[in-house]
Amino acid sequence: MIKGIYEFISEVQLKKYAELAVRAGVNLQKDQLLIIHSDIQNATFARLIQTVAYEAGASNVFIDWTDEQSTKEFYLHAADSVIDHFPDWQAARFKEWDDAGAAYIHIISENLDVFKEVSTERMSRFQKASRTKLRDYYAKIRSHEIRWCLLTVPYVAWAMKVFPNLSKEEALQSIWKLILKGSRADGGNPVKDWESHNRAFESRKKFLNKSQFESLHFTNSRGTDLFVGLPKNHLYIGGGVIDKNGIPFFPNIPTEEIFTSPHKNKVNGKLVGTKPLIYGGSVIDDFYLIFKDGRITDYYTAKGQEVLQNLIETNEGSHYLGEIALVSNKSPLAQTDTLFYNTLFDENTACHIGIGNASPSNIQNGMDQSEEELKAAGLNTSLLLVNVTFGTEDMKVVGIKKGGTEVLLMKDGDFQF
């Protein structure tokens, strides 16, 4: 029996979860390099993924270890000149991995209090420096040129945050159950289950792509009243996506979203967040955003105002949207009726937007277009993409066609087509 946080999940089920990441998540190919990004606290699961990857035929599996406690010390005490600098050798690693055709698996585990003593301004500065230096890597991520997958394992503090009235053991057992259920990884053959899950996306994407709505109108009782204009020849993607070589993969486990890119200059109205936004280890909660001609012109949050300000002011592109996603509240994840305090999970329970960079995959032939052509089409560029959940149980979404014809797409938070 594996001890620690893993004693609440069978070894058989844990290996199936790892196989899901390798065989469906990044769809690792024979003789391909795999990079695993993992904090040392998740070493058990990272090593299991490494084993599964070698069984799948990986040429090499490199684990890129991090340590959040060391990272906290860096943010607290490193010289200002270091905070504003991302080393060339770090960027060179990513370029060499990319050039070698690597796939990437990122293991996430929330520890919401670890950076509470850290200046959000210092964190924001270093994140800006790193994203600037790794601009090419993130461009490949967003365009699906390389295959990658995010998935989650529990952490004690996170489990206790989600289930504050349970014992540590009960909380860990409960969050494991929800992670596996929400990730559709609790069955006998999760890889096959995800193949079926992906087929369910196809008919809705086909309908939306054929309809070519000029805009979407979102309303609910929380105060959201938002018009989202869409570029011509936009494409909805979701579930599985295809890399540049035609190989399918799942970037997020779990995933329940169908998304496209808004027109950079055609978003207007008010968006009220409905779940906390976790950014850089800090919590933004009880907030709203105001848009005019695509730009965030005003915002407010009862918790994390400085964090939200630093996010929006990362660069000019972070004042605009790169993603709009439709998510049903009837999915297994949404039906858990749980606030996860984890953006990967919370964003897949309800409709959300993405602040920042747009994917070329969200427009016809976008992968073959230049940056200037994508900009002319209305796609935003930014150093980041941060998803913000605003869906509710009474969310209504109307698609508006050229000429004003309206089509009801969502009612009471669920699809109507």
Protein backbone atom coordinates (compact mmCIF):
# COMPACT_ATOMS: atom_id res chain seq x y z
CA MET A 1 0.00 0.00 0.00
CA ILE A 2 1.28 3.45 -0.93
CA LYS A 3 1.24 5.68 2.16
CA GLY A 4 0.48 9.36 2.70
CA ILE A 5 -2.17 10.99 0.56
CA TYR A 6 -2.20 7.91 -1.67
CA GLU A 7 -3.44 5.47 0.95
CA PHE A 8 -6.97 6.64 0.15
CA ILE A 9 -6.81 5.36 -3.43
CA SER A 10 -5.97 1.85 -4.59
CA GLU A 11 -2.70 1.28 -6.41
CA VAL A 12 -4.66 -0.11 -9.35
CA GLN A 13 -6.82 3.03 -9.62
CA LEU A 14 -3.82 5.33 -9.19
CA LYS A 15 -2.02 3.60 -12.05
CA LYS A 16 -5.13 3.95 -14.24
CA TYR A 17 -5.10 7.67 -13.47
CA ALA A 18 -1.45 7.85 -14.49
CA GLU A 19 -2.19 5.87 -17.67
CA LEU A 20 -4.98 8.32 -18.48
CA ALA A 21 -2.47 11.20 -18.37
CA VAL A 22 0.06 9.37 -20.56
CA ARG A 23 -2.12 7.51 -23.07
CA ALA A 24 -5.01 9.98 -23.45
CA GLY A 25 -3.77 13.23 -21.91
CA VAL A 26 -0.59 13.71 -23.97
CA ASN A 27 -1.14 10.58 -26.10
CA LEU A 28 2.55 9.76 -25.78
CA GLN A 29 4.06 8.24 -28.91
CA LYS A 30 6.77 5.58 -29.11
CA ASP A 31 10.30 7.02 -28.71
CA GLN A 32 8.93 10.42 -27.64
CA LEU A 33 10.46 12.52 -24.87
CA LEU A 34 8.19 13.30 -21.92
CA ILE A 35 8.74 16.17 -19.49
CA ILE A 36 6.89 15.97 -16.16
CA HIS A 37 6.58 19.21 -14.17
CA SER A 38 5.97 18.29 -10.53
CA ASP A 39 6.51 19.66 -7.05
CA ILE A 40 8.52 17.32 -4.82
CA GLN A 41 5.42 16.78 -2.67
CA ASN A 42 3.91 14.91 -5.64
CA ALA A 43 6.95 12.69 -6.18
CA THR A 44 5.02 9.43 -5.76
CA PHE A 45 2.60 10.20 -8.57
CA ALA A 46 5.28 11.76 -10.80
CA ARG A 47 7.38 8.60 -10.56
CA LEU A 48 4.34 6.45 -11.34
CA ILE A 49 3.68 8.52 -14.48
CA GLN A 50 7.36 8.05 -15.36
CA THR A 51 6.98 4.28 -15.09
CA VAL A 52 3.79 4.27 -17.17
CA ALA A 53 5.44 6.49 -19.80
CA TYR A 54 8.36 4.10 -20.20
CA GLU A 55 5.87 1.24 -20.49
CA ALA A 56 4.20 3.24 -23.29
CA GLY A 57 7.50 3.49 -25.17
CA ALA A 58 8.94 6.86 -24.11
CA SER A 59 12.50 7.49 -25.24
CA ASN A 60 13.21 9.35 -22.00
CA VAL A 61 11.19 10.80 -19.13
CA PHE A 62 12.64 13.84 -17.39
CA ILE A 63 11.02 15.06 -14.18
CA ASP A 64 11.39 18.82 -13.76
CA TRP A 65 11.14 19.08 -9.98
CA THR A 66 9.99 22.18 -8.15
CA ASP A 67 9.68 22.87 -4.42
CA GLU A 68 7.07 25.38 -3.33
CA GLN A 69 8.82 26.04 -0.01
CA SER A 70 12.03 26.95 -1.85
CA THR A 71 10.00 29.03 -4.28
CA LYS A 72 8.50 30.91 -1.33
CA GLU A 73 11.98 31.67 0.02
CA PHE A 74 12.99 32.91 -3.43
CA TYR A 75 10.04 35.31 -3.60
CA LEU A 76 10.67 36.54 -0.06
CA HIS A 77 14.42 37.09 -0.18
CA ALA A 78 15.87 37.13 -3.71
CA ALA A 79 17.35 40.42 -4.93
CA ASP A 80 15.09 42.64 -7.01
CA SER A 81 17.36 42.23 -10.01
CA VAL A 82 16.85 38.46 -9.83
CA ILE A 83 13.07 38.77 -9.45
CA ASP A 84 12.97 40.70 -12.71
CA HIS A 85 15.16 38.22 -14.59
CA PHE A 86 14.46 34.76 -15.99
CA PRO A 87 17.76 32.99 -16.77
CA ASP A 88 18.65 32.19 -20.36
CA TRP A 89 19.60 28.64 -19.40
CA GLN A 90 16.06 28.05 -18.14
CA ALA A 91 14.60 29.21 -21.43
CA ALA A 92 17.17 27.14 -23.34
CA ARG A 93 15.88 23.97 -21.64
CA PHE A 94 12.40 24.53 -22.98
CA LYS A 95 13.69 25.26 -26.48
CA GLU A 96 15.75 22.08 -26.50
CA TRP A 97 12.77 20.05 -25.24
CA ASP A 98 10.48 21.62 -27.83
CA ASP A 99 12.98 21.01 -30.61
CA ALA A 100 13.16 17.36 -29.53
CA GLY A 101 9.37 17.04 -29.87
CA ALA A 102 8.66 16.63 -26.17
CA ALA A 103 5.24 16.25 -24.59
CA TYR A 104 4.55 17.86 -21.21
CA ILE A 105 2.55 16.69 -18.18
CA HIS A 106 1.93 19.17 -15.35
CA ILE A 107 0.86 17.81 -11.96
CA ILE A 108 -1.09 20.40 -9.96
CA SER A 109 -1.86 20.36 -6.24
CA GLU A 110 -3.24 23.46 -4.54
CA ASN A 111 -1.63 24.78 -1.36
CA LEU A 112 -3.46 28.07 -0.98
CA ASP A 113 -1.57 29.40 2.05
CA VAL A 114 2.01 28.70 1.03
CA PHE A 115 2.56 32.15 -0.52
CA LYS A 116 0.43 34.21 1.87
CA GLU A 117 3.50 36.02 3.23
CA VAL A 118 4.81 36.83 -0.25
CA SER A 119 4.39 40.17 -2.00
CA THR A 120 1.99 39.66 -4.89
CA GLU A 121 3.86 42.44 -6.71
CA ARG A 122 7.13 40.45 -6.61
CA MET A 123 5.38 37.29 -7.76
CA SER A 124 3.77 39.16 -10.64
CA ARG A 125 7.10 40.64 -11.72
CA PHE A 126 8.82 37.26 -11.86
CA GLN A 127 5.88 35.65 -13.68
CA LYS A 128 6.02 38.44 -16.24
CA ALA A 129 9.78 37.93 -16.68
CA SER A 130 9.41 34.18 -17.13
CA ARG A 131 6.50 34.42 -19.55
CA THR A 132 8.34 37.01 -21.61
CA LYS A 133 11.41 34.78 -21.92
CA LEU A 134 9.25 31.70 -22.62
CA ARG A 135 6.99 33.47 -25.11
CA ASP A 136 7.73 30.95 -27.89
CA TYR A 137 7.01 27.98 -25.61
CA TYR A 138 3.65 29.38 -24.50
CA ALA A 139 2.76 30.23 -28.11
CA LYS A 140 3.27 26.57 -28.99
CA ILE A 141 1.17 25.52 -26.02
CA ARG A 142 -1.74 27.77 -27.02
CA SER A 143 -1.57 26.77 -30.70
CA HIS A 144 -1.42 23.07 -29.79
CA GLU A 145 1.82 22.72 -31.69
CA ILE A 146 3.06 20.59 -28.80
CA ARG A 147 1.05 18.17 -26.68
CA TRP A 148 0.54 18.84 -22.99
CA CYS A 149 -1.76 17.86 -20.15
CA LEU A 150 -2.67 19.28 -16.74
CA LEU A 151 -4.06 17.05 -14.00
CA THR A 152 -4.43 17.19 -10.25
CA VAL A 153 -3.61 15.24 -7.11
CA PRO A 154 -4.71 16.21 -3.57
CA TYR A 155 -2.80 18.08 -0.94
CA VAL A 156 -3.76 17.99 2.75
CA ALA A 157 -4.30 21.75 3.09
CA TRP A 158 -6.36 21.79 -0.11
CA ALA A 159 -8.52 18.88 1.04
CA MET A 160 -9.19 20.62 4.35
CA LYS A 161 -10.08 23.84 2.51
CA VAL A 162 -12.67 22.03 0.40
CA PHE A 163 -13.98 19.93 3.32
CA PRO A 164 -13.37 22.04 6.46
CA ASN A 165 -15.79 20.04 8.62
CA LEU A 166 -14.15 16.66 8.02
CA SER A 167 -11.11 15.04 9.58
CA LYS A 168 -7.89 15.05 7.57
CA GLU A 169 -8.39 11.42 6.57
CA GLU A 170 -12.03 11.94 5.60
CA ALA A 171 -11.19 15.09 3.65
CA LEU A 172 -8.44 13.35 1.65
CA GLN A 173 -10.66 10.39 0.91
CA SER A 174 -13.48 12.71 -0.19
CA ILE A 175 -11.33 14.87 -2.46
CA TRP A 176 -9.76 11.82 -4.10
CA LYS A 177 -13.25 10.54 -4.85
CA LEU A 178 -14.27 13.87 -6.42
CA ILE A 179 -11.05 14.20 -8.42
CA LEU A 180 -11.48 10.77 -9.95
CA LYS A 181 -15.20 11.22 -10.56
CA GLY A 182 -14.81 14.69 -12.06
CA SER A 183 -11.90 13.48 -14.19
CA ARG A 184 -13.93 10.47 -15.39
CA ALA A 185 -11.09 8.36 -14.05
CA ASP A 186 -13.08 6.23 -11.58
CA GLY A 187 -14.22 3.56 -14.04
CA GLY A 188 -12.70 0.29 -15.17
CA ASN A 189 -11.11 1.78 -18.30
CA PRO A 190 -10.66 5.56 -18.05
CA VAL A 191 -8.91 5.82 -21.44
CA LYS A 192 -11.94 4.25 -23.19
CA ASP A 193 -14.29 6.43 -21.11
CA TRP A 194 -12.47 9.52 -22.38
CA GLU A 195 -12.82 8.39 -25.96
CA SER A 196 -16.59 8.25 -25.40
CA HIS A 197 -16.50 11.58 -23.57
CA ASN A 198 -14.79 13.19 -26.54
CA ARG A 199 -17.43 11.94 -28.99
CA ALA A 200 -20.07 13.80 -26.98
CA PHE A 201 -18.34 17.11 -27.78
CA GLU A 202 -18.44 16.66 -31.52
CA SER A 203 -22.11 17.35 -32.34
CA ARG A 204 -22.21 20.58 -30.34
CA LYS A 205 -18.96 21.85 -31.85
CA LYS A 206 -20.30 21.03 -35.32
CA PHE A 207 -23.53 22.99 -34.65
CA LEU A 208 -21.72 26.03 -33.28
CA ASN A 209 -19.11 26.13 -36.03
CA LYS A 210 -21.78 25.88 -38.71
CA SER A 211 -23.93 28.60 -37.07
CA GLN A 212 -21.16 31.24 -37.02
CA PHE A 213 -22.92 33.50 -34.52
CA GLU A 214 -21.77 37.13 -34.59
CA SER A 215 -22.01 37.34 -30.82
CA LEU A 216 -23.07 35.57 -27.64
CA HIS A 217 -25.16 37.21 -24.92
CA PHE A 218 -24.70 35.95 -21.33
CA THR A 219 -27.12 36.88 -18.53
CA ASN A 220 -27.87 35.63 -15.03
CA SER A 221 -29.26 36.78 -11.69
CA ARG A 222 -25.80 37.49 -10.25
CA GLY A 223 -25.50 40.59 -12.43
CA THR A 224 -23.69 39.30 -15.50
CA ASP A 225 -24.91 40.99 -18.68
CA LEU A 226 -22.20 40.44 -21.25
CA PHE A 227 -22.09 40.61 -25.05
CA VAL A 228 -19.18 38.70 -26.56
CA GLY A 229 -18.50 39.45 -30.24
CA LEU A 230 -16.85 36.69 -32.25
CA PRO A 231 -14.37 36.85 -35.15
CA LYS A 232 -15.39 35.77 -38.63
CA ASN A 233 -14.61 32.12 -39.33
CA HIS A 234 -14.16 31.35 -35.64
CA LEU A 235 -13.92 27.74 -34.51
CA TYR A 236 -15.06 26.07 -31.31
CA ILE A 237 -12.81 23.38 -29.96
CA GLY A 238 -13.07 21.29 -26.82
CA GLY A 239 -12.51 17.85 -25.43
CA GLY A 240 -9.70 16.42 -27.47
CA VAL A 241 -7.60 18.64 -29.74
CA ILE A 242 -5.14 17.89 -32.52
CA ASP A 243 -1.45 18.79 -32.59
CA LYS A 244 0.48 19.93 -35.68
CA ASN A 245 1.14 16.32 -36.67
CA GLY A 246 -2.51 15.29 -36.47
CA ILE A 247 -2.18 13.48 -33.13
CA PRO A 248 -5.14 13.93 -30.75
CA PHE A 249 -4.65 14.75 -27.05
CA PHE A 250 -6.48 16.19 -24.02
CA PRO A 251 -4.82 19.31 -22.56
CA ASN A 252 -6.93 19.28 -19.40
CA ILE A 253 -8.06 16.45 -17.14
CA PRO A 254 -10.86 17.11 -16.33
CA THR A 255 -12.38 18.99 -19.27
CA GLU A 256 -16.02 19.83 -19.95
CA GLU A 257 -15.66 23.02 -22.00
CA ILE A 258 -16.39 24.00 -25.59
CA PHE A 259 -14.52 27.22 -26.28
CA THR A 260 -13.57 29.75 -28.91
CA SER A 261 -11.84 33.12 -29.04
CA PRO A 262 -13.77 36.39 -28.74
CA HIS A 263 -13.06 39.27 -31.06
CA LYS A 264 -10.56 41.36 -29.13
CA ASN A 265 -12.51 44.63 -29.53
CA LYS A 266 -16.10 43.36 -29.35
CA VAL A 267 -16.73 42.44 -25.71
CA ASN A 268 -19.07 44.76 -23.79
CA GLY A 269 -20.86 44.68 -20.47
CA LYS A 270 -20.41 43.29 -16.98
CA LEU A 271 -19.12 39.91 -15.84
CA VAL A 272 -19.57 38.80 -12.24
CA GLY A 273 -17.26 36.02 -11.06
CA THR A 274 -18.98 33.11 -9.36
CA LYS A 275 -16.03 31.08 -8.07
CA PRO A 276 -12.70 32.12 -6.57
CA LEU A 277 -9.85 32.68 -9.00
CA ILE A 278 -6.56 31.18 -7.85
CA TYR A 279 -3.66 33.09 -9.37
CA GLY A 280 -0.03 32.72 -8.38
CA GLY A 281 -1.05 30.99 -5.16
CA SER A 282 -3.36 33.86 -4.14
CA VAL A 283 -7.17 33.96 -4.03
CA ILE A 284 -9.33 36.51 -5.86
CA ASP A 285 -12.96 36.31 -4.76
CA ASP A 286 -16.26 38.21 -4.93
CA PHE A 287 -15.33 40.23 -8.01
CA TYR A 288 -16.59 41.74 -11.23
CA LEU A 289 -15.10 42.98 -14.50
CA ILE A 290 -16.42 45.74 -16.79
CA PHE A 291 -15.68 45.60 -20.53
CA LYS A 292 -15.93 48.29 -23.18
CA ASP A 293 -14.94 47.58 -26.78
CA GLY A 294 -13.14 44.47 -25.57
CA ARG A 295 -11.00 46.14 -22.91
CA ILE A 296 -11.34 45.65 -19.15
CA THR A 297 -12.02 49.24 -18.12
CA ASP A 298 -13.01 48.67 -14.49
CA TYR A 299 -12.86 45.89 -11.94
CA TYR A 300 -13.43 45.24 -8.26
CA THR A 301 -12.83 42.38 -5.86
CA ALA A 302 -13.55 42.08 -2.16
CA LYS A 303 -10.52 39.82 -1.80
CA GLY A 304 -7.26 40.05 -3.74
CA GLN A 305 -7.57 43.50 -5.33
CA GLU A 306 -3.80 43.90 -5.76
CA VAL A 307 -3.50 40.40 -7.22
CA LEU A 308 -6.27 41.11 -9.73
CA GLN A 309 -4.67 44.44 -10.63
CA ASN A 310 -1.28 42.80 -11.23
CA LEU A 311 -2.92 40.13 -13.37
CA ILE A 312 -4.80 42.59 -15.58
CA GLU A 313 -1.84 44.93 -15.87
CA THR A 314 0.69 42.24 -16.82
CA ASN A 315 0.78 43.74 -20.30
CA GLU A 316 -1.61 45.41 -22.75
CA GLY A 317 -2.98 42.07 -23.95
CA SER A 318 -4.03 41.06 -20.43
CA HIS A 319 -6.67 43.80 -20.54
CA TYR A 320 -8.54 41.76 -23.19
CA LEU A 321 -9.98 38.28 -23.61
CA GLY A 322 -8.56 35.29 -25.42
CA GLU A 323 -11.23 32.69 -24.65
CA ILE A 324 -14.96 32.25 -24.07
CA ALA A 325 -16.12 28.81 -22.94
CA LEU A 326 -19.52 27.15 -22.70
CA VAL A 327 -19.81 24.55 -19.93
CA SER A 328 -22.92 22.66 -18.81
CA ASN A 329 -23.84 22.42 -15.14
CA LYS A 330 -25.01 18.81 -15.72
CA SER A 331 -21.55 17.22 -16.09
CA PRO A 332 -20.30 14.77 -13.42
CA LEU A 333 -17.90 17.44 -12.18
CA ALA A 334 -20.57 20.15 -11.96
CA GLN A 335 -22.98 17.76 -10.27
CA THR A 336 -20.57 17.30 -7.37
CA ASP A 337 -21.76 20.80 -6.35
CA THR A 338 -18.35 21.49 -4.83
CA LEU A 339 -16.24 24.62 -4.64
CA PHE A 340 -12.76 23.26 -5.37
CA TYR A 341 -10.66 26.42 -4.91
CA ASN A 342 -8.78 25.08 -7.94
CA THR A 343 -9.18 26.83 -11.30
CA LEU A 344 -8.71 23.66 -13.36
CA PHE A 345 -11.70 22.07 -11.62
CA ASP A 346 -13.87 25.12 -10.97
CA GLU A 347 -13.64 26.39 -14.56
CA ASN A 348 -14.97 23.05 -15.81
CA THR A 349 -18.15 23.30 -13.75
CA ALA A 350 -19.57 26.42 -15.44
CA CYS A 351 -19.09 28.94 -18.26
CA HIS A 352 -15.88 30.93 -18.11
CA ILE A 353 -13.73 33.46 -19.93
CA GLY A 354 -9.98 33.51 -20.43
CA ILE A 355 -8.15 36.77 -19.83
CA GLY A 356 -5.21 37.14 -22.18
CA ASN A 357 -3.88 35.17 -25.13
CA ALA A 358 -6.11 33.66 -27.84
CA SER A 359 -5.35 30.37 -29.56
CA PRO A 360 -4.83 30.35 -33.35
CA SER A 361 -6.74 27.03 -33.27
CA ASN A 362 -9.93 29.02 -32.65
CA ILE A 363 -10.06 30.44 -36.16
CA GLN A 364 -10.12 28.66 -39.52
CA ASN A 365 -6.57 28.08 -40.83
CA GLY A 366 -5.28 30.02 -37.84
CA MET A 367 -2.31 27.72 -37.40
CA ASP A 368 -1.05 28.81 -40.84
CA GLN A 369 -1.56 32.55 -40.31
CA SER A 370 1.01 35.11 -39.26
CA GLU A 371 0.75 37.09 -36.05
CA GLU A 372 -0.31 40.13 -38.09
CA GLU A 373 -3.07 38.15 -39.83
CA LEU A 374 -4.38 36.80 -36.54
CA LYS A 375 -4.37 40.30 -35.06
CA ALA A 376 -6.30 41.62 -38.09
CA ALA A 377 -8.85 38.84 -37.60
CA GLY A 378 -9.48 40.04 -34.03
CA LEU A 379 -7.45 37.58 -31.95
CA ASN A 380 -5.74 38.89 -28.82
CA THR A 381 -2.12 38.30 -27.87
CA SER A 382 -0.78 38.35 -24.34
CA LEU A 383 1.87 36.86 -22.07
CA LEU A 384 -0.76 34.89 -20.17
CA LEU A 385 -4.14 33.20 -20.24
CA VAL A 386 -6.08 33.06 -16.97
CA ASN A 387 -9.56 31.54 -16.83
CA VAL A 388 -12.35 33.15 -14.81
CA THR A 389 -15.56 31.28 -13.96
CA PHE A 390 -18.85 33.20 -14.15
CA GLY A 391 -21.50 30.55 -14.94
CA THR A 392 -24.47 29.87 -12.66
CA GLU A 393 -27.45 27.54 -12.39
CA ASP A 394 -29.61 30.21 -14.04
CA MET A 395 -27.14 31.18 -16.76
CA LYS A 396 -28.79 32.01 -20.09
CA VAL A 397 -26.78 32.17 -23.30
CA VAL A 398 -28.20 33.43 -26.60
CA GLY A 399 -26.40 33.21 -29.92
CA ILE A 400 -27.01 36.21 -32.19
CA LYS A 401 -26.65 35.77 -35.95
CA LYS A 402 -26.03 38.36 -38.62
CA GLY A 403 -29.30 40.26 -39.03
CA GLY A 404 -30.25 39.81 -35.37
CA THR A 405 -31.74 36.31 -35.33
CA GLU A 406 -31.41 34.87 -31.81
CA VAL A 407 -30.92 31.20 -30.91
CA LEU A 408 -31.17 29.94 -27.32
CA LEU A 409 -27.97 28.02 -26.60
CA MET A 410 -28.12 27.59 -22.84
CA LYS A 411 -30.89 27.84 -20.27
CA ASP A 412 -30.54 27.31 -16.53
CA GLY A 413 -26.88 26.56 -17.10
CA ASP A 414 -27.41 23.67 -19.52
CA PHE A 415 -27.18 23.23 -23.27
CA GLN A 416 -30.33 23.55 -25.35
CA PHE A 417 -28.92 22.10 -28.58
